[in-house]
Amino acid sequence: MKILGISGTLVGSKTRIITQYLVNEIERQYPDFEMEMIDLKDYQLDFCDGRPILHYNDHTRAIVAKFENADAYVLGTTIIHGSIPGALKNLFDVIPMTVFEGKTIALAANGGNPQHGKAIEDHLKPITNYLKMNTVPNYVFATSGDFNSFNELDNLEIREQLMSIAKVFGEKCKQKV
C-alpha cells in the first residue's frame, strides 16, 4: 500500500513537523506500508487554469503523478485566516477528481489559535467529502503552544491523538486491500 504524506502549505515549518510525525507513526504501526512524504514548498506548482495536465510544468505533473500512484493520503495543513492555504486549494483544483475517489485520507492541521481548528470541519472536510475521499473521522489540530522552543511537537495529548489517527487510518487502508 502506497501512502503519500503531504505538507500542504508554503508557510512556516510546523505543518511539516506535525505531518511528518503522523507519517512516522503510521510507518511505525504499519511497517508494510510504503510511505512517501512531500512538502509543497519543494514544488513550483502552476496555477490551475483548466489546461490538460500534460500542459502544466514538470513540478505540477510530477505531483499529480504522485497523487495518482498513491493508495491513500496523510494531509497536513496550516490554517490561515480561518481556512486552508491557497496553495493547497490550488493543488486540489489541479488534480482530477477521479484521482481522489475512494482513497482514504487522514487530516492534521496547525494554526495560530484554537478557533482555527474549526476550519477542518468547515473547509477541509467538505472538500475531501466532495472529492469522494474516505476521510478518517478523527483529526488533530495543534497550535504554536504545542511545540517547544526547539520547534518540536511536545504536547503529549497531541502526540496521542496522532497515534490514534494512525491506527484508524491504517485499519481503514487495510480494509481497502
N, C-alpha and C. Protein backbone atom coordinates (compact mmCIF):
# COMPACT_ATOMS: atom_id res chain seq x y z
N MET A 1 0.85 -1.17 0.00
CA MET A 1 0.00 0.00 0.00
C MET A 1 0.89 1.23 0.00
N LYS A 2 0.69 2.12 -0.96
CA LYS A 2 1.47 3.35 -1.07
C LYS A 2 0.72 4.49 -0.40
N ILE A 3 1.39 5.12 0.57
CA ILE A 3 0.80 6.24 1.31
C ILE A 3 1.60 7.49 0.99
N LEU A 4 0.91 8.55 0.60
CA LEU A 4 1.55 9.82 0.31
C LEU A 4 1.23 10.80 1.43
N GLY A 5 2.27 11.29 2.11
CA GLY A 5 2.12 12.34 3.10
C GLY A 5 2.36 13.68 2.44
N ILE A 6 1.52 14.65 2.73
CA ILE A 6 1.61 15.97 2.10
C ILE A 6 1.63 17.05 3.16
N SER A 7 2.67 17.86 3.15
CA SER A 7 2.67 19.09 3.94
C SER A 7 2.14 20.17 3.02
N GLY A 8 0.89 20.58 3.25
CA GLY A 8 0.15 21.38 2.28
C GLY A 8 0.16 22.88 2.51
N THR A 9 1.33 23.43 2.73
CA THR A 9 1.41 24.89 2.89
C THR A 9 2.78 25.37 2.42
N LEU A 10 2.85 26.64 2.13
CA LEU A 10 4.13 27.27 1.77
C LEU A 10 4.67 28.09 2.94
N VAL A 11 3.95 28.10 4.07
CA VAL A 11 4.25 28.98 5.20
C VAL A 11 4.71 28.17 6.41
N GLY A 12 5.79 28.59 7.04
CA GLY A 12 6.22 28.02 8.31
C GLY A 12 6.75 26.60 8.23
N SER A 13 7.02 26.03 9.42
CA SER A 13 7.59 24.68 9.49
C SER A 13 6.75 23.72 10.33
N LYS A 14 5.81 24.22 11.10
CA LYS A 14 5.05 23.35 12.00
C LYS A 14 4.16 22.35 11.25
N THR A 15 3.65 22.73 10.10
CA THR A 15 2.84 21.81 9.31
C THR A 15 3.67 20.60 8.89
N ARG A 16 4.86 20.84 8.43
CA ARG A 16 5.74 19.73 8.04
C ARG A 16 6.03 18.83 9.25
N ILE A 17 6.28 19.44 10.39
CA ILE A 17 6.61 18.68 11.61
C ILE A 17 5.45 17.77 12.02
N ILE A 18 4.25 18.31 12.08
CA ILE A 18 3.10 17.52 12.52
C ILE A 18 2.74 16.45 11.49
N THR A 19 2.87 16.77 10.21
CA THR A 19 2.58 15.79 9.16
C THR A 19 3.60 14.66 9.19
N GLN A 20 4.87 15.03 9.32
CA GLN A 20 5.92 14.02 9.38
C GLN A 20 5.75 13.13 10.61
N TYR A 21 5.34 13.71 11.71
CA TYR A 21 5.09 12.93 12.93
C TYR A 21 4.01 11.87 12.66
N LEU A 22 2.93 12.27 12.00
CA LEU A 22 1.85 11.34 11.69
C LEU A 22 2.32 10.28 10.70
N VAL A 23 3.05 10.67 9.68
CA VAL A 23 3.59 9.71 8.71
C VAL A 23 4.50 8.70 9.42
N ASN A 24 5.36 9.20 10.29
CA ASN A 24 6.27 8.30 11.03
C ASN A 24 5.49 7.33 11.92
N GLU A 25 4.43 7.82 12.54
CA GLU A 25 3.62 6.96 13.40
C GLU A 25 2.91 5.88 12.59
N ILE A 26 2.40 6.23 11.44
CA ILE A 26 1.77 5.23 10.56
C ILE A 26 2.81 4.19 10.15
N GLU A 27 3.98 4.66 9.78
CA GLU A 27 5.06 3.76 9.38
C GLU A 27 5.46 2.83 10.53
N ARG A 28 5.45 3.34 11.76
CA ARG A 28 5.78 2.53 12.93
C ARG A 28 4.72 1.46 13.16
N GLN A 29 3.44 1.84 13.06
CA GLN A 29 2.35 0.91 13.32
C GLN A 29 2.10 -0.06 12.16
N TYR A 30 2.40 0.39 10.95
CA TYR A 30 2.12 -0.41 9.75
C TYR A 30 3.38 -0.45 8.87
N PRO A 31 4.40 -1.19 9.28
CA PRO A 31 5.67 -1.19 8.55
C PRO A 31 5.58 -1.73 7.13
N ASP A 32 4.49 -2.40 6.79
CA ASP A 32 4.34 -2.91 5.43
C ASP A 32 3.85 -1.83 4.45
N PHE A 33 3.42 -0.68 4.97
CA PHE A 33 3.01 0.41 4.10
C PHE A 33 4.24 1.09 3.51
N GLU A 34 4.15 1.46 2.25
CA GLU A 34 5.22 2.22 1.59
C GLU A 34 4.89 3.71 1.73
N MET A 35 5.74 4.43 2.45
CA MET A 35 5.46 5.83 2.77
C MET A 35 6.33 6.77 1.93
N GLU A 36 5.74 7.87 1.51
CA GLU A 36 6.48 8.95 0.86
C GLU A 36 5.94 10.27 1.40
N MET A 37 6.83 11.19 1.68
CA MET A 37 6.45 12.50 2.22
C MET A 37 6.85 13.58 1.22
N ILE A 38 5.93 14.48 0.92
CA ILE A 38 6.24 15.63 0.07
C ILE A 38 5.83 16.90 0.79
N ASP A 39 6.50 17.97 0.44
CA ASP A 39 6.24 19.29 1.01
C ASP A 39 5.97 20.24 -0.15
N LEU A 40 4.83 20.91 -0.14
CA LEU A 40 4.51 21.83 -1.23
C LEU A 40 5.58 22.90 -1.43
N LYS A 41 6.34 23.18 -0.38
CA LYS A 41 7.41 24.18 -0.50
C LYS A 41 8.47 23.76 -1.53
N ASP A 42 8.56 22.46 -1.78
CA ASP A 42 9.58 21.94 -2.69
C ASP A 42 9.13 21.93 -4.14
N TYR A 43 7.93 22.41 -4.42
CA TYR A 43 7.37 22.36 -5.77
C TYR A 43 6.94 23.76 -6.22
N GLN A 44 7.12 24.01 -7.49
CA GLN A 44 6.62 25.24 -8.11
C GLN A 44 5.40 24.85 -8.95
N LEU A 45 4.25 24.81 -8.30
CA LEU A 45 3.04 24.38 -8.99
C LEU A 45 2.47 25.50 -9.83
N ASP A 46 2.01 25.11 -11.03
CA ASP A 46 1.28 26.05 -11.87
C ASP A 46 -0.07 26.34 -11.23
N PHE A 47 -0.60 27.50 -11.52
CA PHE A 47 -1.93 27.84 -11.07
C PHE A 47 -2.94 27.09 -11.94
N CYS A 48 -3.94 26.53 -11.32
CA CYS A 48 -4.96 25.78 -12.05
C CYS A 48 -5.72 26.74 -12.96
N ASP A 49 -5.72 26.41 -14.26
CA ASP A 49 -6.45 27.26 -15.21
C ASP A 49 -7.22 26.44 -16.24
N GLY A 50 -7.38 25.14 -15.97
CA GLY A 50 -8.21 24.31 -16.84
C GLY A 50 -7.49 23.61 -17.97
N ARG A 51 -6.19 23.85 -18.10
CA ARG A 51 -5.44 23.16 -19.15
C ARG A 51 -5.40 21.66 -18.87
N PRO A 52 -5.20 20.85 -19.89
CA PRO A 52 -4.92 19.43 -19.64
C PRO A 52 -3.62 19.30 -18.83
N ILE A 53 -3.53 18.29 -18.00
CA ILE A 53 -2.36 18.09 -17.13
C ILE A 53 -1.06 18.10 -17.94
N LEU A 54 -1.07 17.55 -19.13
CA LEU A 54 0.15 17.49 -19.95
C LEU A 54 0.72 18.86 -20.29
N HIS A 55 -0.09 19.91 -20.15
CA HIS A 55 0.35 21.26 -20.48
C HIS A 55 0.84 22.05 -19.28
N TYR A 56 0.86 21.42 -18.09
CA TYR A 56 1.38 22.07 -16.90
C TYR A 56 2.88 21.81 -16.78
N ASN A 57 3.56 22.55 -15.91
CA ASN A 57 5.01 22.40 -15.76
C ASN A 57 5.38 21.04 -15.15
N ASP A 58 6.69 20.75 -15.16
CA ASP A 58 7.18 19.45 -14.68
C ASP A 58 6.81 19.19 -13.23
N HIS A 59 6.93 20.21 -12.38
CA HIS A 59 6.60 20.04 -10.96
C HIS A 59 5.12 19.66 -10.79
N THR A 60 4.25 20.34 -11.49
CA THR A 60 2.82 20.08 -11.38
C THR A 60 2.50 18.68 -11.85
N ARG A 61 3.05 18.29 -12.99
CA ARG A 61 2.81 16.93 -13.50
C ARG A 61 3.37 15.88 -12.54
N ALA A 62 4.52 16.15 -11.94
CA ALA A 62 5.14 15.19 -11.01
C ALA A 62 4.27 14.99 -9.77
N ILE A 63 3.76 16.07 -9.22
CA ILE A 63 2.95 15.94 -8.01
C ILE A 63 1.61 15.28 -8.33
N VAL A 64 1.03 15.55 -9.48
CA VAL A 64 -0.21 14.87 -9.89
C VAL A 64 0.05 13.38 -10.00
N ALA A 65 1.19 13.00 -10.58
CA ALA A 65 1.54 11.57 -10.72
C ALA A 65 1.69 10.91 -9.35
N LYS A 66 2.26 11.62 -8.39
CA LYS A 66 2.41 11.07 -7.03
C LYS A 66 1.03 10.79 -6.42
N PHE A 67 0.10 11.71 -6.63
CA PHE A 67 -1.25 11.51 -6.12
C PHE A 67 -1.94 10.35 -6.84
N GLU A 68 -1.74 10.25 -8.15
CA GLU A 68 -2.35 9.15 -8.90
C GLU A 68 -1.83 7.79 -8.44
N ASN A 69 -0.55 7.72 -8.11
CA ASN A 69 0.09 6.45 -7.76
C ASN A 69 -0.10 6.06 -6.30
N ALA A 70 -0.61 6.96 -5.49
CA ALA A 70 -0.81 6.67 -4.06
C ALA A 70 -2.15 5.98 -3.86
N ASP A 71 -2.18 5.10 -2.85
CA ASP A 71 -3.42 4.43 -2.48
C ASP A 71 -4.19 5.19 -1.40
N ALA A 72 -3.48 6.04 -0.65
CA ALA A 72 -4.09 6.80 0.44
C ALA A 72 -3.19 7.99 0.75
N TYR A 73 -3.74 8.93 1.53
CA TYR A 73 -3.01 10.18 1.81
C TYR A 73 -3.05 10.54 3.29
N VAL A 74 -1.99 11.22 3.71
CA VAL A 74 -1.92 11.87 5.01
C VAL A 74 -1.70 13.34 4.70
N LEU A 75 -2.65 14.17 5.04
CA LEU A 75 -2.56 15.59 4.68
C LEU A 75 -2.42 16.45 5.92
N GLY A 76 -1.38 17.25 5.92
CA GLY A 76 -1.19 18.26 6.94
C GLY A 76 -1.31 19.63 6.31
N THR A 77 -1.92 20.54 7.03
CA THR A 77 -2.06 21.91 6.53
C THR A 77 -2.02 22.89 7.68
N THR A 78 -1.63 24.08 7.37
CA THR A 78 -1.81 25.17 8.31
C THR A 78 -3.17 25.79 8.02
N ILE A 79 -3.70 26.47 8.99
CA ILE A 79 -4.95 27.20 8.80
C ILE A 79 -4.60 28.68 8.83
N ILE A 80 -4.92 29.35 7.74
CA ILE A 80 -4.60 30.77 7.60
C ILE A 80 -5.90 31.54 7.43
N HIS A 81 -6.11 32.54 8.27
CA HIS A 81 -7.33 33.36 8.20
C HIS A 81 -8.58 32.49 8.18
N GLY A 82 -8.58 31.42 8.97
CA GLY A 82 -9.76 30.59 9.13
C GLY A 82 -10.02 29.58 8.03
N SER A 83 -9.05 29.37 7.14
CA SER A 83 -9.26 28.42 6.06
C SER A 83 -7.94 27.80 5.63
N ILE A 84 -8.01 26.89 4.66
CA ILE A 84 -6.79 26.26 4.15
C ILE A 84 -6.04 27.25 3.26
N PRO A 85 -4.72 27.07 3.11
CA PRO A 85 -3.95 27.97 2.27
C PRO A 85 -4.33 27.84 0.78
N GLY A 86 -4.15 28.90 0.06
CA GLY A 86 -4.44 28.92 -1.38
C GLY A 86 -3.65 27.88 -2.15
N ALA A 87 -2.41 27.64 -1.76
CA ALA A 87 -1.58 26.65 -2.46
C ALA A 87 -2.20 25.26 -2.38
N LEU A 88 -2.77 24.92 -1.22
CA LEU A 88 -3.41 23.61 -1.06
C LEU A 88 -4.70 23.55 -1.88
N LYS A 89 -5.48 24.60 -1.84
CA LYS A 89 -6.72 24.62 -2.64
C LYS A 89 -6.38 24.50 -4.12
N ASN A 90 -5.33 25.18 -4.56
CA ASN A 90 -4.89 25.09 -5.95
C ASN A 90 -4.50 23.65 -6.29
N LEU A 91 -3.81 22.98 -5.37
CA LEU A 91 -3.43 21.59 -5.60
C LEU A 91 -4.68 20.73 -5.80
N PHE A 92 -5.68 20.89 -4.93
CA PHE A 92 -6.93 20.14 -5.10
C PHE A 92 -7.57 20.45 -6.45
N ASP A 93 -7.48 21.69 -6.90
CA ASP A 93 -8.10 22.09 -8.16
C ASP A 93 -7.37 21.50 -9.37
N VAL A 94 -6.06 21.37 -9.29
CA VAL A 94 -5.27 20.87 -10.42
C VAL A 94 -5.47 19.38 -10.64
N ILE A 95 -5.58 18.63 -9.56
CA ILE A 95 -5.64 17.17 -9.66
C ILE A 95 -7.07 16.75 -10.05
N PRO A 96 -7.19 15.91 -11.07
CA PRO A 96 -8.53 15.46 -11.48
C PRO A 96 -9.26 14.77 -10.33
N MET A 97 -10.55 15.03 -10.22
CA MET A 97 -11.36 14.47 -9.13
C MET A 97 -11.27 12.96 -9.04
N THR A 98 -11.19 12.30 -10.17
CA THR A 98 -11.19 10.84 -10.19
C THR A 98 -9.97 10.25 -9.48
N VAL A 99 -8.91 11.02 -9.34
CA VAL A 99 -7.70 10.55 -8.66
C VAL A 99 -7.99 10.30 -7.18
N PHE A 100 -8.84 11.11 -6.58
CA PHE A 100 -9.11 11.06 -5.15
C PHE A 100 -10.19 10.05 -4.76
N GLU A 101 -11.08 9.74 -5.65
CA GLU A 101 -12.29 8.98 -5.33
C GLU A 101 -11.98 7.65 -4.65
N GLY A 102 -12.58 7.47 -3.46
CA GLY A 102 -12.46 6.22 -2.72
C GLY A 102 -11.18 6.05 -1.93
N LYS A 103 -10.26 6.99 -2.03
CA LYS A 103 -8.99 6.86 -1.31
C LYS A 103 -9.13 7.42 0.11
N THR A 104 -8.45 6.76 1.04
CA THR A 104 -8.50 7.17 2.44
C THR A 104 -7.56 8.34 2.68
N ILE A 105 -8.00 9.27 3.53
CA ILE A 105 -7.17 10.42 3.88
C ILE A 105 -7.28 10.70 5.38
N ALA A 106 -6.13 10.95 5.99
CA ALA A 106 -6.06 11.39 7.39
C ALA A 106 -5.66 12.85 7.39
N LEU A 107 -6.21 13.61 8.33
CA LEU A 107 -6.00 15.06 8.37
C LEU A 107 -5.34 15.51 9.67
N ALA A 108 -4.39 16.41 9.51
CA ALA A 108 -3.75 17.07 10.65
C ALA A 108 -3.57 18.53 10.26
N ALA A 109 -3.72 19.42 11.23
CA ALA A 109 -3.58 20.84 10.91
C ALA A 109 -2.99 21.58 12.11
N ASN A 110 -2.50 22.75 11.82
CA ASN A 110 -1.99 23.63 12.87
C ASN A 110 -2.39 25.06 12.53
N GLY A 111 -2.46 25.88 13.56
CA GLY A 111 -2.82 27.27 13.34
C GLY A 111 -2.51 28.10 14.57
N GLY A 112 -2.77 29.37 14.44
CA GLY A 112 -2.39 30.32 15.47
C GLY A 112 -3.22 30.29 16.74
N ASN A 113 -4.48 29.88 16.63
CA ASN A 113 -5.31 29.82 17.84
C ASN A 113 -6.28 28.66 17.74
N PRO A 114 -6.81 28.20 18.87
CA PRO A 114 -7.69 27.02 18.87
C PRO A 114 -8.93 27.16 17.98
N GLN A 115 -9.44 28.37 17.78
CA GLN A 115 -10.62 28.55 16.93
C GLN A 115 -10.35 28.12 15.49
N HIS A 116 -9.10 28.21 15.06
CA HIS A 116 -8.77 27.82 13.68
C HIS A 116 -9.02 26.35 13.43
N GLY A 117 -9.08 25.54 14.49
CA GLY A 117 -9.36 24.12 14.33
C GLY A 117 -10.70 23.84 13.68
N LYS A 118 -11.64 24.77 13.82
CA LYS A 118 -12.95 24.62 13.19
C LYS A 118 -12.86 24.57 11.67
N ALA A 119 -11.80 25.10 11.11
CA ALA A 119 -11.64 25.12 9.65
C ALA A 119 -11.53 23.71 9.07
N ILE A 120 -11.11 22.75 9.89
CA ILE A 120 -11.04 21.37 9.39
C ILE A 120 -12.45 20.90 9.06
N GLU A 121 -13.37 21.12 9.97
CA GLU A 121 -14.77 20.71 9.74
C GLU A 121 -15.46 21.62 8.72
N ASP A 122 -15.17 22.91 8.78
CA ASP A 122 -15.90 23.88 7.94
C ASP A 122 -15.38 24.00 6.51
N HIS A 123 -14.08 23.72 6.30
CA HIS A 123 -13.48 23.93 4.98
C HIS A 123 -12.83 22.69 4.39
N LEU A 124 -12.03 21.99 5.18
CA LEU A 124 -11.24 20.89 4.64
C LEU A 124 -12.08 19.62 4.43
N LYS A 125 -12.84 19.22 5.43
CA LYS A 125 -13.66 18.01 5.28
C LYS A 125 -14.70 18.15 4.15
N PRO A 126 -15.33 19.30 3.97
CA PRO A 126 -16.25 19.41 2.82
C PRO A 126 -15.54 19.18 1.47
N ILE A 127 -14.28 19.60 1.38
CA ILE A 127 -13.53 19.36 0.14
C ILE A 127 -13.26 17.87 -0.04
N THR A 128 -12.76 17.21 1.03
CA THR A 128 -12.45 15.79 0.90
C THR A 128 -13.73 14.97 0.67
N ASN A 129 -14.83 15.40 1.26
CA ASN A 129 -16.10 14.71 1.02
C ASN A 129 -16.57 14.92 -0.42
N TYR A 130 -16.45 16.13 -0.92
CA TYR A 130 -16.85 16.42 -2.30
C TYR A 130 -16.02 15.58 -3.28
N LEU A 131 -14.74 15.39 -2.96
CA LEU A 131 -13.85 14.61 -3.82
C LEU A 131 -14.04 13.11 -3.61
N LYS A 132 -15.04 12.74 -2.80
CA LYS A 132 -15.43 11.34 -2.54
C LYS A 132 -14.29 10.54 -1.92
N MET A 133 -13.55 11.20 -1.04
CA MET A 133 -12.48 10.52 -0.32
C MET A 133 -13.06 9.89 0.95
N ASN A 134 -12.39 8.88 1.43
CA ASN A 134 -12.75 8.19 2.66
C ASN A 134 -11.98 8.88 3.79
N THR A 135 -12.56 9.90 4.38
CA THR A 135 -11.88 10.74 5.36
C THR A 135 -11.94 10.10 6.75
N VAL A 136 -10.77 9.92 7.36
CA VAL A 136 -10.71 9.40 8.73
C VAL A 136 -11.47 10.38 9.62
N PRO A 137 -12.40 9.89 10.46
CA PRO A 137 -13.25 10.81 11.22
C PRO A 137 -12.51 11.65 12.26
N ASN A 138 -11.49 11.08 12.90
CA ASN A 138 -10.76 11.87 13.88
C ASN A 138 -9.58 12.57 13.19
N TYR A 139 -9.22 13.72 13.71
CA TYR A 139 -8.13 14.52 13.17
C TYR A 139 -7.47 15.23 14.33
N VAL A 140 -6.37 15.89 14.03
CA VAL A 140 -5.67 16.62 15.09
C VAL A 140 -5.48 18.06 14.66
N PHE A 141 -5.55 18.95 15.64
CA PHE A 141 -5.25 20.36 15.40
C PHE A 141 -4.29 20.82 16.49
N ALA A 142 -3.18 21.38 16.09
CA ALA A 142 -2.17 21.86 17.03
C ALA A 142 -1.99 23.37 16.87
N THR A 143 -1.62 24.01 17.97
CA THR A 143 -1.29 25.44 17.94
C THR A 143 0.20 25.59 18.25
N SER A 144 0.70 26.79 18.15
CA SER A 144 2.12 27.05 18.44
C SER A 144 2.50 26.59 19.84
N GLY A 145 1.57 26.66 20.77
CA GLY A 145 1.83 26.25 22.15
C GLY A 145 2.09 24.75 22.31
N ASP A 146 1.81 23.97 21.28
CA ASP A 146 2.04 22.53 21.34
C ASP A 146 3.47 22.16 20.92
N PHE A 147 4.25 23.16 20.58
CA PHE A 147 5.64 22.97 20.16
C PHE A 147 6.56 23.65 21.16
N ASN A 148 7.72 23.06 21.40
CA ASN A 148 8.66 23.68 22.33
C ASN A 148 9.54 24.71 21.62
N SER A 149 10.49 25.27 22.34
CA SER A 149 11.34 26.33 21.78
C SER A 149 12.26 25.82 20.68
N PHE A 150 12.41 24.49 20.58
CA PHE A 150 13.22 23.90 19.50
C PHE A 150 12.33 23.49 18.32
N ASN A 151 11.06 23.91 18.35
CA ASN A 151 10.08 23.63 17.30
C ASN A 151 9.77 22.13 17.20
N GLU A 152 9.82 21.45 18.34
CA GLU A 152 9.48 20.03 18.41
C GLU A 152 8.08 19.90 18.99
N LEU A 153 7.32 18.95 18.48
CA LEU A 153 5.98 18.70 18.99
C LEU A 153 6.12 18.05 20.36
N ASP A 154 5.77 18.79 21.42
CA ASP A 154 5.99 18.26 22.77
C ASP A 154 4.72 18.13 23.61
N ASN A 155 3.56 18.30 23.01
CA ASN A 155 2.30 18.13 23.73
C ASN A 155 1.91 16.64 23.66
N LEU A 156 1.91 15.98 24.80
CA LEU A 156 1.63 14.55 24.87
C LEU A 156 0.23 14.23 24.33
N GLU A 157 -0.74 15.07 24.63
CA GLU A 157 -2.11 14.82 24.15
C GLU A 157 -2.17 14.84 22.63
N ILE A 158 -1.49 15.79 22.00
CA ILE A 158 -1.46 15.86 20.53
C ILE A 158 -0.76 14.63 19.96
N ARG A 159 0.35 14.22 20.56
CA ARG A 159 1.06 13.02 20.08
C ARG A 159 0.17 11.78 20.21
N GLU A 160 -0.59 11.67 21.31
CA GLU A 160 -1.51 10.54 21.48
C GLU A 160 -2.63 10.58 20.43
N GLN A 161 -3.12 11.78 20.11
CA GLN A 161 -4.13 11.90 19.07
C GLN A 161 -3.58 11.44 17.73
N LEU A 162 -2.33 11.79 17.45
CA LEU A 162 -1.70 11.36 16.19
C LEU A 162 -1.54 9.85 16.15
N MET A 163 -1.20 9.23 17.27
CA MET A 163 -1.10 7.77 17.33
C MET A 163 -2.46 7.13 17.05
N SER A 164 -3.51 7.71 17.61
CA SER A 164 -4.86 7.20 17.40
C SER A 164 -5.28 7.33 15.94
N ILE A 165 -5.00 8.48 15.34
CA ILE A 165 -5.32 8.69 13.93
C ILE A 165 -4.58 7.68 13.08
N ALA A 166 -3.31 7.45 13.38
CA ALA A 166 -2.50 6.48 12.61
C ALA A 166 -3.15 5.10 12.65
N LYS A 167 -3.64 4.71 13.82
CA LYS A 167 -4.27 3.39 13.97
C LYS A 167 -5.55 3.30 13.13
N VAL A 168 -6.41 4.30 13.24
CA VAL A 168 -7.67 4.29 12.48
C VAL A 168 -7.38 4.35 10.99
N PHE A 169 -6.44 5.19 10.59
CA PHE A 169 -6.05 5.31 9.18
C PHE A 169 -5.58 3.97 8.64
N GLY A 170 -4.66 3.33 9.36
CA GLY A 170 -4.12 2.05 8.92
C GLY A 170 -5.20 0.98 8.79
N GLU A 171 -6.13 0.96 9.76
CA GLU A 171 -7.23 -0.01 9.71
C GLU A 171 -8.11 0.23 8.48
N LYS A 172 -8.42 1.49 8.21
CA LYS A 172 -9.25 1.83 7.03
C LYS A 172 -8.52 1.44 5.74
N CYS A 173 -7.22 1.68 5.69
CA CYS A 173 -6.44 1.33 4.50
C CYS A 173 -6.42 -0.18 4.30
N LYS A 174 -6.25 -0.93 5.36
CA LYS A 174 -6.20 -2.39 5.25
C LYS A 174 -7.55 -2.96 4.81
N GLN A 175 -8.64 -2.28 5.15
CA GLN A 175 -9.97 -2.73 4.70
C GLN A 175 -10.11 -2.62 3.19
N LYS A 176 -9.39 -1.70 2.59
CA LYS A 176 -9.46 -1.45 1.15
C LYS A 176 -8.72 -2.52 0.35
N VAL A 177 -7.76 -3.20 1.00
CA VAL A 177 -6.91 -4.16 0.27
C VAL A 177 -7.67 -5.43 -0.02
